[in-house]
Amino acid sequence: MSRATDLDAVADTCIAAYAVIADHGTPQMKMLIRVLLHIVGREIVQDLERRERADDGTSEGSPERDTGP
């Protein structure tokens, strides 16, 4: 599988888990799944930006942000 396909599978699984956790999870579980979805979303955006730069034939593009720890 490609990285994009893997990230899509992770996102789909997290979305399905979110639905269950929203109904049955603890507040801590709900917070953690939201954080996980945010992280996966950022990875998808970074992957798309890398592919766009590769399609342009450049290694430059918008500078990647420091997302912290």
Protein backbone atom coordinates (compact mmCIF):
# COMPACT_ATOMS: atom_id res chain seq x y z
CA MET A 1 0.00 0.00 0.00
CA SER A 2 1.08 3.57 -0.57
CA ARG A 3 1.45 6.09 2.22
CA ALA A 4 -1.67 7.93 1.01
CA THR A 5 -3.69 4.71 1.01
CA ASP A 6 -2.39 3.84 4.46
CA LEU A 7 -3.30 7.29 5.80
CA ASP A 8 -6.77 7.01 4.27
CA ALA A 9 -7.25 3.64 5.98
CA VAL A 10 -6.10 5.10 9.31
CA ALA A 11 -8.45 8.07 8.89
CA ASP A 12 -11.41 5.81 8.03
CA THR A 13 -10.73 3.63 11.06
CA CYS A 14 -10.40 6.64 13.37
CA ILE A 15 -13.68 8.08 12.07
CA ALA A 16 -15.44 4.77 12.75
CA ALA A 17 -13.89 4.63 16.23
CA TYR A 18 -14.95 8.23 16.85
CA ALA A 19 -18.59 7.32 16.26
CA VAL A 20 -18.45 4.53 18.84
CA ILE A 21 -16.42 6.54 21.35
CA ALA A 22 -18.77 9.53 21.01
CA ASP A 23 -21.64 7.29 22.15
CA HIS A 24 -19.91 5.08 24.70
CA GLY A 25 -16.50 6.49 25.59
CA THR A 26 -15.27 8.36 28.62
CA PRO A 27 -14.46 12.08 28.35
CA GLN A 28 -10.78 11.15 28.22
CA MET A 29 -11.37 8.71 25.32
CA LYS A 30 -13.32 11.40 23.45
CA MET A 31 -10.48 13.87 23.87
CA LEU A 32 -7.89 11.34 22.73
CA ILE A 33 -9.78 10.34 19.56
CA ARG A 34 -10.16 14.02 18.64
CA VAL A 35 -6.41 14.51 19.09
CA LEU A 36 -5.71 11.40 17.00
CA LEU A 37 -8.02 12.60 14.21
CA HIS A 38 -6.26 15.97 14.25
CA ILE A 39 -2.84 14.31 13.95
CA VAL A 40 -3.98 12.05 11.11
CA GLY A 41 -5.48 15.05 9.32
CA ARG A 42 -2.21 16.96 9.59
CA GLU A 43 -0.32 13.97 8.18
CA ILE A 44 -2.72 13.81 5.22
CA VAL A 45 -2.19 17.53 4.52
CA GLN A 46 1.60 17.15 4.70
CA ASP A 47 1.45 14.15 2.36
CA LEU A 48 -0.67 16.11 -0.14
CA GLU A 49 1.75 19.05 0.02
CA ARG A 50 4.71 16.72 -0.61
CA ARG A 51 2.95 15.18 -3.62
CA GLU A 52 2.07 18.63 -5.02
CA ARG A 53 5.70 19.72 -4.72
CA ALA A 54 6.83 16.51 -6.42
CA ASP A 55 4.32 17.08 -9.24
CA ASP A 56 5.69 20.61 -9.69
CA GLY A 57 9.19 19.19 -9.94
CA THR A 58 10.45 21.30 -7.08
CA SER A 59 11.51 20.53 -3.58
CA GLU A 60 10.33 23.94 -2.47
CA GLY A 61 6.85 24.93 -1.54
CA SER A 62 5.20 26.41 1.43
CA PRO A 63 7.51 25.89 4.39
CA GLU A 64 6.39 23.18 6.73
CA ARG A 65 5.26 24.50 10.05
CA ASP A 66 6.85 23.48 13.30
CA THR A 67 3.99 21.57 14.90
CA GLY A 68 5.78 21.22 18.21
CA PRO A 69 6.16 18.08 20.30
